[in-house]
Amino acid sequence: MQPGHRLSLQMHQSRSEHWVIVAGEALVTLGEREIHLRANEETIIPQQTKHRVANPASTPLVFIEVQCGSYLGEDDITRFEDDYNRSASDGGNSNLT
């Protein structure tokens, strides 16, 4: 993810996610709190929890996302805010790196 970019504030009904930071710095919104993560740090995003990741640094952010749950389809994304003008129920991907 490029510096200054962030993913949508979103939630999933049927899956949780495990994020591992590989390079760079992440600002993670997890429910009502924000946490800063650096390389080799991780967080778990429980299902039905609003979340987003942003890159506040001047270098690219690289992270691994592992999805776990009974349903992993992209239509399980509910978006609350989105810098790329995707709709609240648009689970489609775009190249946001």
PDB file of N, CA and C in Angstrom:
ATOM      1  N   MET A   1       0.860  -1.158   0.000  1.00  0.00           N
ATOM      2  CA  MET A   1       0.000   0.000   0.000  1.00  0.00           C
ATOM      3  C   MET A   1       0.912   1.228   0.000  1.00  0.00           C
ATOM      4  N   GLN A   2       0.598   2.171  -0.857  1.00  0.00           N
ATOM      5  CA  GLN A   2       1.416   3.362  -0.994  1.00  0.00           C
ATOM      6  C   GLN A   2       1.238   4.318   0.192  1.00  0.00           C
ATOM      7  N   PRO A   3       2.244   5.147   0.464  1.00  0.00           N
ATOM      8  CA  PRO A   3       2.147   6.120   1.558  1.00  0.00           C
ATOM      9  C   PRO A   3       0.909   7.009   1.416  1.00  0.00           C
ATOM     10  N   GLY A   4       0.244   7.260   2.538  1.00  0.00           N
ATOM     11  CA  GLY A   4      -0.930   8.123   2.558  1.00  0.00           C
ATOM     12  C   GLY A   4      -2.229   7.454   2.156  1.00  0.00           C
ATOM     13  N   HIS A   5      -2.182   6.217   1.711  1.00  0.00           N
ATOM     14  CA  HIS A   5      -3.401   5.517   1.305  1.00  0.00           C
ATOM     15  C   HIS A   5      -3.978   4.730   2.473  1.00  0.00           C
ATOM     16  N   ARG A   6      -5.274   4.411   2.363  1.00  0.00           N
ATOM     17  CA  ARG A   6      -5.928   3.572   3.357  1.00  0.00           C
ATOM     18  C   ARG A   6      -7.051   2.796   2.686  1.00  0.00           C
ATOM     19  N   LEU A   7      -7.376   1.653   3.258  1.00  0.00           N
ATOM     20  CA  LEU A   7      -8.498   0.858   2.769  1.00  0.00           C
ATOM     21  C   LEU A   7      -9.786   1.382   3.385  1.00  0.00           C
ATOM     22  N   SER A   8     -10.905   0.889   2.909  1.00  0.00           N
ATOM     23  CA  SER A   8     -12.196   1.335   3.421  1.00  0.00           C
ATOM     24  C   SER A   8     -12.396   0.903   4.872  1.00  0.00           C
ATOM     25  N   LEU A   9     -13.196   1.676   5.591  1.00  0.00           N
ATOM     26  CA  LEU A   9     -13.661   1.260   6.908  1.00  0.00           C
ATOM     27  C   LEU A   9     -14.755   0.241   6.630  1.00  0.00           C
ATOM     28  N   GLN A  10     -14.549  -0.987   7.076  1.00  0.00           N
ATOM     29  CA  GLN A  10     -15.429  -2.076   6.669  1.00  0.00           C
ATOM     30  C   GLN A  10     -15.638  -3.069   7.790  1.00  0.00           C
ATOM     31  N   MET A  11     -16.531  -4.018   7.519  1.00  0.00           N
ATOM     32  CA  MET A  11     -16.846  -5.076   8.471  1.00  0.00           C
ATOM     33  C   MET A  11     -17.257  -6.309   7.672  1.00  0.00           C
ATOM     34  N   HIS A  12     -17.064  -7.480   8.262  1.00  0.00           N
ATOM     35  CA  HIS A  12     -17.468  -8.748   7.644  1.00  0.00           C
ATOM     36  C   HIS A  12     -18.379  -9.499   8.612  1.00  0.00           C
ATOM     37  N   GLN A  13     -19.453 -10.049   8.105  1.00  0.00           N
ATOM     38  CA  GLN A  13     -20.371 -10.832   8.929  1.00  0.00           C
ATOM     39  C   GLN A  13     -19.846 -12.236   9.208  1.00  0.00           C
ATOM     40  N   SER A  14     -19.157 -12.833   8.230  1.00  0.00           N
ATOM     41  CA  SER A  14     -18.867 -14.271   8.311  1.00  0.00           C
ATOM     42  C   SER A  14     -17.396 -14.624   8.410  1.00  0.00           C
ATOM     43  N   ARG A  15     -16.527 -13.643   8.493  1.00  0.00           N
ATOM     44  CA  ARG A  15     -15.109 -13.988   8.570  1.00  0.00           C
ATOM     45  C   ARG A  15     -14.346 -13.052   9.501  1.00  0.00           C
ATOM     46  N   SER A  16     -13.273 -13.591  10.044  1.00  0.00           N
ATOM     47  CA  SER A  16     -12.297 -12.800  10.779  1.00  0.00           C
ATOM     48  C   SER A  16     -11.060 -12.704   9.887  1.00  0.00           C
ATOM     49  N   GLU A  17     -10.143 -11.829  10.264  1.00  0.00           N
ATOM     50  CA  GLU A  17      -8.916 -11.672   9.497  1.00  0.00           C
ATOM     51  C   GLU A  17      -7.732 -11.602  10.443  1.00  0.00           C
ATOM     52  N   HIS A  18      -6.601 -12.072   9.960  1.00  0.00           N
ATOM     53  CA  HIS A  18      -5.332 -12.012  10.683  1.00  0.00           C
ATOM     54  C   HIS A  18      -4.375 -11.235   9.789  1.00  0.00           C
ATOM     55  N   TRP A  19      -3.900 -10.083  10.257  1.00  0.00           N
ATOM     56  CA  TRP A  19      -2.982  -9.248   9.486  1.00  0.00           C
ATOM     57  C   TRP A  19      -1.601  -9.322  10.098  1.00  0.00           C
ATOM     58  N   VAL A  20      -0.588  -9.535   9.257  1.00  0.00           N
ATOM     59  CA  VAL A  20       0.810  -9.534   9.666  1.00  0.00           C
ATOM     60  C   VAL A  20       1.530  -8.481   8.841  1.00  0.00           C
ATOM     61  N   ILE A  21       2.202  -7.554   9.512  1.00  0.00           N
ATOM     62  CA  ILE A  21       2.931  -6.504   8.819  1.00  0.00           C
ATOM     63  C   ILE A  21       4.282  -7.060   8.391  1.00  0.00           C
ATOM     64  N   VAL A  22       4.564  -6.971   7.094  1.00  0.00           N
ATOM     65  CA  VAL A  22       5.818  -7.472   6.538  1.00  0.00           C
ATOM     66  C   VAL A  22       6.842  -6.339   6.430  1.00  0.00           C
ATOM     67  N   ALA A  23       6.400  -5.163   5.968  1.00  0.00           N
ATOM     68  CA  ALA A  23       7.294  -4.015   5.815  1.00  0.00           C
ATOM     69  C   ALA A  23       6.494  -2.735   5.974  1.00  0.00           C
ATOM     70  N   GLY A  24       7.137  -1.716   6.488  1.00  0.00           N
ATOM     71  CA  GLY A  24       6.484  -0.424   6.639  1.00  0.00           C
ATOM     72  C   GLY A  24       5.802  -0.282   7.981  1.00  0.00           C
ATOM     73  N   GLU A  25       4.857   0.651   7.996  1.00  0.00           N
ATOM     74  CA  GLU A  25       4.131   0.998   9.222  1.00  0.00           C
ATOM     75  C   GLU A  25       2.645   1.043   8.905  1.00  0.00           C
ATOM     76  N   ALA A  26       1.826   0.499   9.799  1.00  0.00           N
ATOM     77  CA  ALA A  26       0.382   0.472   9.605  1.00  0.00           C
ATOM     78  C   ALA A  26      -0.313   1.190  10.749  1.00  0.00           C
ATOM     79  N   LEU A  27      -1.351   1.921  10.408  1.00  0.00           N
ATOM     80  CA  LEU A  27      -2.269   2.467  11.402  1.00  0.00           C
ATOM     81  C   LEU A  27      -3.568   1.694  11.215  1.00  0.00           C
ATOM     82  N   VAL A  28      -3.901   0.869  12.190  1.00  0.00           N
ATOM     83  CA  VAL A  28      -5.057  -0.030  12.095  1.00  0.00           C
ATOM     84  C   VAL A  28      -6.185   0.510  12.960  1.00  0.00           C
ATOM     85  N   THR A  29      -7.346   0.708  12.356  1.00  0.00           N
ATOM     86  CA  THR A  29      -8.557   1.008  13.110  1.00  0.00           C
ATOM     87  C   THR A  29      -9.216  -0.326  13.408  1.00  0.00           C
ATOM     88  N   LEU A  30      -9.463  -0.577  14.678  1.00  0.00           N
ATOM     89  CA  LEU A  30     -10.050  -1.841  15.124  1.00  0.00           C
ATOM     90  C   LEU A  30     -11.148  -1.491  16.112  1.00  0.00           C
ATOM     91  N   GLY A  31     -12.392  -1.497  15.620  1.00  0.00           N
ATOM     92  CA  GLY A  31     -13.499  -1.045  16.448  1.00  0.00           C
ATOM     93  C   GLY A  31     -13.361   0.439  16.706  1.00  0.00           C
ATOM     94  N   GLU A  32     -13.306   0.824  17.985  1.00  0.00           N
ATOM     95  CA  GLU A  32     -13.202   2.240  18.366  1.00  0.00           C
ATOM     96  C   GLU A  32     -11.769   2.678  18.650  1.00  0.00           C
ATOM     97  N   ARG A  33     -10.806   1.791  18.467  1.00  0.00           N
ATOM     98  CA  ARG A  33      -9.432   2.172  18.796  1.00  0.00           C
ATOM     99  C   ARG A  33      -8.525   2.108  17.574  1.00  0.00           C
ATOM    100  N   GLU A  34      -7.403   2.792  17.656  1.00  0.00           N
ATOM    101  CA  GLU A  34      -6.392   2.759  16.614  1.00  0.00           C
ATOM    102  C   GLU A  34      -5.109   2.213  17.202  1.00  0.00           C
ATOM    103  N   ILE A  35      -4.440   1.344  16.431  1.00  0.00           N
ATOM    104  CA  ILE A  35      -3.173   0.791  16.884  1.00  0.00           C
ATOM    105  C   ILE A  35      -2.135   0.955  15.783  1.00  0.00           C
ATOM    106  N   HIS A  36      -0.900   1.210  16.178  1.00  0.00           N
ATOM    107  CA  HIS A  36       0.212   1.316  15.241  1.00  0.00           C
ATOM    108  C   HIS A  36       0.954  -0.007  15.235  1.00  0.00           C
ATOM    109  N   LEU A  37       1.226  -0.505  14.040  1.00  0.00           N
ATOM    110  CA  LEU A  37       1.967  -1.752  13.898  1.00  0.00           C
ATOM    111  C   LEU A  37       3.134  -1.531  12.947  1.00  0.00           C
ATOM    112  N   ARG A  38       4.218  -2.250  13.201  1.00  0.00           N
ATOM    113  CA  ARG A  38       5.414  -2.204  12.351  1.00  0.00           C
ATOM    114  C   ARG A  38       5.744  -3.633  11.897  1.00  0.00           C
ATOM    115  N   ALA A  39       6.775  -3.761  11.098  1.00  0.00           N
ATOM    116  CA  ALA A  39       7.188  -5.066  10.572  1.00  0.00           C
ATOM    117  C   ALA A  39       7.297  -6.088  11.701  1.00  0.00           C
ATOM    118  N   ASN A  40       6.800  -7.281  11.437  1.00  0.00           N
ATOM    119  CA  ASN A  40       6.800  -8.426  12.352  1.00  0.00           C
ATOM    120  C   ASN A  40       5.780  -8.314  13.477  1.00  0.00           C
ATOM    121  N   GLU A  41       4.869  -7.354  13.385  1.00  0.00           N
ATOM    122  CA  GLU A  41       3.772  -7.269  14.353  1.00  0.00           C
ATOM    123  C   GLU A  41       2.487  -7.685  13.654  1.00  0.00           C
ATOM    124  N   GLU A  42       1.471  -8.024  14.452  1.00  0.00           N
ATOM    125  CA  GLU A  42       0.243  -8.580  13.889  1.00  0.00           C
ATOM    126  C   GLU A  42      -0.971  -8.173  14.698  1.00  0.00           C
ATOM    127  N   THR A  43      -2.144  -8.379  14.098  1.00  0.00           N
ATOM    128  CA  THR A  43      -3.402  -8.177  14.820  1.00  0.00           C
ATOM    129  C   THR A  43      -4.445  -9.128  14.251  1.00  0.00           C
ATOM    130  N   ILE A  44      -5.424  -9.416  15.077  1.00  0.00           N
ATOM    131  CA  ILE A  44      -6.577 -10.227  14.685  1.00  0.00           C
ATOM    132  C   ILE A  44      -7.771  -9.290  14.582  1.00  0.00           C
ATOM    133  N   ILE A  45      -8.519  -9.394  13.483  1.00  0.00           N
ATOM    134  CA  ILE A  45      -9.739  -8.623  13.280  1.00  0.00           C
ATOM    135  C   ILE A  45     -10.913  -9.587  13.475  1.00  0.00           C
ATOM    136  N   PRO A  46     -11.620  -9.520  14.600  1.00  0.00           N
ATOM    137  CA  PRO A  46     -12.762 -10.419  14.799  1.00  0.00           C
ATOM    138  C   PRO A  46     -13.888 -10.123  13.800  1.00  0.00           C
ATOM    139  N   GLN A  47     -14.652 -11.145  13.455  1.00  0.00           N
ATOM    140  CA  GLN A  47     -15.793 -10.903  12.569  1.00  0.00           C
ATOM    141  C   GLN A  47     -16.749  -9.918  13.228  1.00  0.00           C
ATOM    142  N   GLN A  48     -17.470  -9.183  12.406  1.00  0.00           N
ATOM    143  CA  GLN A  48     -18.444  -8.172  12.819  1.00  0.00           C
ATOM    144  C   GLN A  48     -17.791  -7.021  13.594  1.00  0.00           C
ATOM    145  N   THR A  49     -16.512  -6.724  13.284  1.00  0.00           N
ATOM    146  CA  THR A  49     -15.794  -5.605  13.887  1.00  0.00           C
ATOM    147  C   THR A  49     -15.382  -4.637  12.782  1.00  0.00           C
ATOM    148  N   LYS A  50     -15.743  -3.366  12.921  1.00  0.00           N
ATOM    149  CA  LYS A  50     -15.305  -2.364  11.942  1.00  0.00           C
ATOM    150  C   LYS A  50     -13.788  -2.265  11.983  1.00  0.00           C
ATOM    151  N   HIS A  51     -13.180  -2.179  10.792  1.00  0.00           N
ATOM    152  CA  HIS A  51     -11.728  -2.118  10.722  1.00  0.00           C
ATOM    153  C   HIS A  51     -11.257  -1.457   9.431  1.00  0.00           C
ATOM    154  N   ARG A  52     -10.015  -0.997   9.477  1.00  0.00           N
ATOM    155  CA  ARG A  52      -9.351  -0.468   8.277  1.00  0.00           C
ATOM    156  C   ARG A  52      -7.859  -0.436   8.558  1.00  0.00           C
ATOM    157  N   VAL A  53      -7.086  -0.363   7.488  1.00  0.00           N
ATOM    158  CA  VAL A  53      -5.643  -0.190   7.609  1.00  0.00           C
ATOM    159  C   VAL A  53      -5.250   1.009   6.755  1.00  0.00           C
ATOM    160  N   ALA A  54      -4.329   1.804   7.283  1.00  0.00           N
ATOM    161  CA  ALA A  54      -3.817   2.978   6.582  1.00  0.00           C
ATOM    162  C   ALA A  54      -2.299   2.963   6.644  1.00  0.00           C
ATOM    163  N   ASN A  55      -1.680   3.622   5.676  1.00  0.00           N
ATOM    164  CA  ASN A  55      -0.229   3.762   5.662  1.00  0.00           C
ATOM    165  C   ASN A  55       0.121   5.210   5.967  1.00  0.00           C
ATOM    166  N   PRO A  56       0.490   5.518   7.225  1.00  0.00           N
ATOM    167  CA  PRO A  56       0.827   6.890   7.592  1.00  0.00           C
ATOM    168  C   PRO A  56       2.276   7.255   7.303  1.00  0.00           C
ATOM    169  N   ALA A  57       3.075   6.296   6.858  1.00  0.00           N
ATOM    170  CA  ALA A  57       4.515   6.499   6.683  1.00  0.00           C
ATOM    171  C   ALA A  57       4.846   6.993   5.277  1.00  0.00           C
ATOM    172  N   SER A  58       6.125   7.224   5.043  1.00  0.00           N
ATOM    173  CA  SER A  58       6.588   7.702   3.729  1.00  0.00           C
ATOM    174  C   SER A  58       7.133   6.566   2.874  1.00  0.00           C
ATOM    175  N   THR A  59       7.040   5.336   3.370  1.00  0.00           N
ATOM    176  CA  THR A  59       7.478   4.161   2.618  1.00  0.00           C
ATOM    177  C   THR A  59       6.294   3.223   2.421  1.00  0.00           C
ATOM    178  N   PRO A  60       6.347   2.338   1.412  1.00  0.00           N
ATOM    179  CA  PRO A  60       5.232   1.414   1.184  1.00  0.00           C
ATOM    180  C   PRO A  60       4.975   0.484   2.373  1.00  0.00           C
ATOM    181  N   LEU A  61       3.714   0.138   2.550  1.00  0.00           N
ATOM    182  CA  LEU A  61       3.275  -0.816   3.561  1.00  0.00           C
ATOM    183  C   LEU A  61       2.988  -2.141   2.862  1.00  0.00           C
ATOM    184  N   VAL A  62       3.544  -3.214   3.406  1.00  0.00           N
ATOM    185  CA  VAL A  62       3.273  -4.566   2.901  1.00  0.00           C
ATOM    186  C   VAL A  62       2.750  -5.377   4.067  1.00  0.00           C
ATOM    187  N   PHE A  63       1.571  -5.977   3.886  1.00  0.00           N
ATOM    188  CA  PHE A  63       1.035  -6.836   4.940  1.00  0.00           C
ATOM    189  C   PHE A  63       0.350  -8.039   4.323  1.00  0.00           C
ATOM    190  N   ILE A  64       0.271  -9.100   5.112  1.00  0.00           N
ATOM    191  CA  ILE A  64      -0.387 -10.338   4.703  1.00  0.00           C
ATOM    192  C   ILE A  64      -1.717 -10.415   5.428  1.00  0.00           C
ATOM    193  N   GLU A  65      -2.760 -10.749   4.687  1.00  0.00           N
ATOM    194  CA  GLU A  65      -4.088 -10.922   5.273  1.00  0.00           C
ATOM    195  C   GLU A  65      -4.505 -12.373   5.114  1.00  0.00           C
ATOM    196  N   VAL A  66      -4.822 -13.008   6.236  1.00  0.00           N
ATOM    197  CA  VAL A  66      -5.357 -14.369   6.220  1.00  0.00           C
ATOM    198  C   VAL A  66      -6.808 -14.279   6.653  1.00  0.00           C
ATOM    199  N   GLN A  67      -7.711 -14.784   5.820  1.00  0.00           N
ATOM    200  CA  GLN A  67      -9.145 -14.750   6.111  1.00  0.00           C
ATOM    201  C   GLN A  67      -9.578 -16.101   6.664  1.00  0.00           C
ATOM    202  N   CYS A  68     -10.372 -16.075   7.733  1.00  0.00           N
ATOM    203  CA  CYS A  68     -10.850 -17.301   8.366  1.00  0.00           C
ATOM    204  C   CYS A  68     -12.345 -17.177   8.615  1.00  0.00           C
ATOM    205  N   GLY A  69     -13.103 -18.206   8.262  1.00  0.00           N
ATOM    206  CA  GLY A  69     -14.519 -18.175   8.558  1.00  0.00           C
ATOM    207  C   GLY A  69     -15.323 -19.113   7.691  1.00  0.00           C
ATOM    208  N   SER A  70     -16.623 -19.091   7.910  1.00  0.00           N
ATOM    209  CA  SER A  70     -17.525 -19.998   7.197  1.00  0.00           C
ATOM    210  C   SER A  70     -17.798 -19.546   5.771  1.00  0.00           C
ATOM    211  N   TYR A  71     -17.568 -18.266   5.476  1.00  0.00           N
ATOM    212  CA  TYR A  71     -17.796 -17.742   4.127  1.00  0.00           C
ATOM    213  C   TYR A  71     -16.768 -16.656   3.859  1.00  0.00           C
ATOM    214  N   LEU A  72     -16.046 -16.750   2.746  1.00  0.00           N
ATOM    215  CA  LEU A  72     -14.960 -15.822   2.445  1.00  0.00           C
ATOM    216  C   LEU A  72     -15.219 -14.993   1.196  1.00  0.00           C
ATOM    217  N   GLY A  73     -16.439 -14.984   0.697  1.00  0.00           N
ATOM    218  CA  GLY A  73     -16.774 -14.238  -0.518  1.00  0.00           C
ATOM    219  C   GLY A  73     -16.618 -12.738  -0.337  1.00  0.00           C
ATOM    220  N   GLU A  74     -16.271 -12.064  -1.426  1.00  0.00           N
ATOM    221  CA  GLU A  74     -16.087 -10.609  -1.390  1.00  0.00           C
ATOM    222  C   GLU A  74     -17.391  -9.859  -1.121  1.00  0.00           C
ATOM    223  N   ASP A  75     -18.535 -10.506  -1.327  1.00  0.00           N
ATOM    224  CA  ASP A  75     -19.808  -9.838  -1.032  1.00  0.00           C
ATOM    225  C   ASP A  75     -20.122  -9.840   0.468  1.00  0.00           C
ATOM    226  N   ASP A  76     -19.190 -10.302   1.288  1.00  0.00           N
ATOM    227  CA  ASP A  76     -19.336 -10.239   2.738  1.00  0.00           C
ATOM    228  C   ASP A  76     -18.790  -8.922   3.309  1.00  0.00           C
ATOM    229  N   ILE A  77     -18.346  -8.023   2.442  1.00  0.00           N
ATOM    230  CA  ILE A  77     -17.816  -6.735   2.890  1.00  0.00           C
ATOM    231  C   ILE A  77     -18.951  -5.719   2.996  1.00  0.00           C
ATOM    232  N   THR A  78     -19.061  -5.086   4.155  1.00  0.00           N
ATOM    233  CA  THR A  78     -19.933  -3.928   4.338  1.00  0.00           C
ATOM    234  C   THR A  78     -19.023  -2.732   4.529  1.00  0.00           C
ATOM    235  N   ARG A  79     -19.109  -1.751   3.625  1.00  0.00           N
ATOM    236  CA  ARG A  79     -18.251  -0.564   3.699  1.00  0.00           C
ATOM    237  C   ARG A  79     -19.002   0.582   4.368  1.00  0.00           C
ATOM    238  N   PHE A  80     -18.321   1.261   5.292  1.00  0.00           N
ATOM    239  CA  PHE A  80     -18.893   2.413   5.974  1.00  0.00           C
ATOM    240  C   PHE A  80     -18.307   3.719   5.449  1.00  0.00           C
ATOM    241  N   GLU A  81     -17.036   3.715   5.093  1.00  0.00           N
ATOM    242  CA  GLU A  81     -16.345   4.852   4.489  1.00  0.00           C
ATOM    243  C   GLU A  81     -15.380   4.293   3.461  1.00  0.00           C
ATOM    244  N   ASP A  82     -15.209   5.009   2.338  1.00  0.00           N
ATOM    245  CA  ASP A  82     -14.306   4.508   1.316  1.00  0.00           C
ATOM    246  C   ASP A  82     -13.728   5.664   0.519  1.00  0.00           C
ATOM    247  N   ASP A  83     -12.408   5.787   0.502  1.00  0.00           N
ATOM    248  CA  ASP A  83     -11.728   6.849  -0.234  1.00  0.00           C
ATOM    249  C   ASP A  83     -11.807   6.664  -1.742  1.00  0.00           C
ATOM    250  N   TYR A  84     -12.223   5.482  -2.208  1.00  0.00           N
ATOM    251  CA  TYR A  84     -12.248   5.165  -3.629  1.00  0.00           C
ATOM    252  C   TYR A  84     -13.667   5.110  -4.186  1.00  0.00           C
ATOM    253  N   ASN A  85     -14.626   5.622  -3.425  1.00  0.00           N
ATOM    254  CA  ASN A  85     -16.023   5.756  -3.852  1.00  0.00           C
ATOM    255  C   ASN A  85     -16.684   4.436  -4.241  1.00  0.00           C
ATOM    256  N   ARG A  86     -16.290   3.352  -3.568  1.00  0.00           N
ATOM    257  CA  ARG A  86     -16.999   2.093  -3.779  1.00  0.00           C
ATOM    258  C   ARG A  86     -18.243   2.115  -2.907  1.00  0.00           C
ATOM    259  N   SER A  87     -19.278   1.436  -3.336  1.00  0.00           N
ATOM    260  CA  SER A  87     -20.535   1.450  -2.585  1.00  0.00           C
ATOM    261  C   SER A  87     -20.422   0.613  -1.327  1.00  0.00           C
ATOM    262  N   ALA A  88     -21.375   0.792  -0.432  1.00  0.00           N
ATOM    263  CA  ALA A  88     -21.370   0.109   0.862  1.00  0.00           C
ATOM    264  C   ALA A  88     -21.366  -1.400   0.710  1.00  0.00           C
ATOM    265  N   SER A  89     -21.969  -1.935  -0.339  1.00  0.00           N
ATOM    266  CA  SER A  89     -22.045  -3.381  -0.508  1.00  0.00           C
ATOM    267  C   SER A  89     -21.164  -3.882  -1.646  1.00  0.00           C
ATOM    268  N   ASP A  90     -20.318  -3.024  -2.216  1.00  0.00           N
ATOM    269  CA  ASP A  90     -19.455  -3.408  -3.322  1.00  0.00           C
ATOM    270  C   ASP A  90     -18.239  -4.131  -2.789  1.00  0.00           C
ATOM    271  N   GLY A  91     -18.213  -5.423  -2.958  1.00  0.00           N
ATOM    272  CA  GLY A  91     -17.080  -6.211  -2.488  1.00  0.00           C
ATOM    273  C   GLY A  91     -15.970  -6.316  -3.506  1.00  0.00           C
ATOM    274  N   GLY A  92     -16.126  -5.683  -4.661  1.00  0.00           N
ATOM    275  CA  GLY A  92     -15.138  -5.796  -5.724  1.00  0.00           C
ATOM    276  C   GLY A  92     -13.793  -5.231  -5.343  1.00  0.00           C
ATOM    277  N   ASN A  93     -12.775  -5.802  -5.906  1.00  0.00           N
ATOM    278  CA  ASN A  93     -11.418  -5.357  -5.644  1.00  0.00           C
ATOM    279  C   ASN A  93     -11.017  -4.288  -6.649  1.00  0.00           C
ATOM    280  N   SER A  94     -10.140  -3.424  -6.230  1.00  0.00           N
ATOM    281  CA  SER A  94      -9.470  -2.523  -7.150  1.00  0.00           C
ATOM    282  C   SER A  94      -8.009  -2.516  -6.784  1.00  0.00           C
ATOM    283  N   ASN A  95      -7.174  -2.088  -7.670  1.00  0.00           N
ATOM    284  CA  ASN A  95      -5.742  -2.085  -7.417  1.00  0.00           C
ATOM    285  C   ASN A  95      -5.381  -0.863  -6.606  1.00  0.00           C
ATOM    286  N   LEU A  96      -5.295  -1.033  -5.288  1.00  0.00           N
ATOM    287  CA  LEU A  96      -5.085   0.074  -4.373  1.00  0.00           C
ATOM    288  C   LEU A  96      -3.673   0.146  -3.850  1.00  0.00           C
ATOM    289  N   THR A  97      -2.744  -0.561  -4.447  1.00  0.00           N
ATOM    290  CA  THR A  97      -1.376  -0.555  -3.941  1.00  0.00           C
ATOM    291  C   THR A  97      -0.639   0.681  -4.339  1.00  0.00           C
TER     292      THR A  97
END
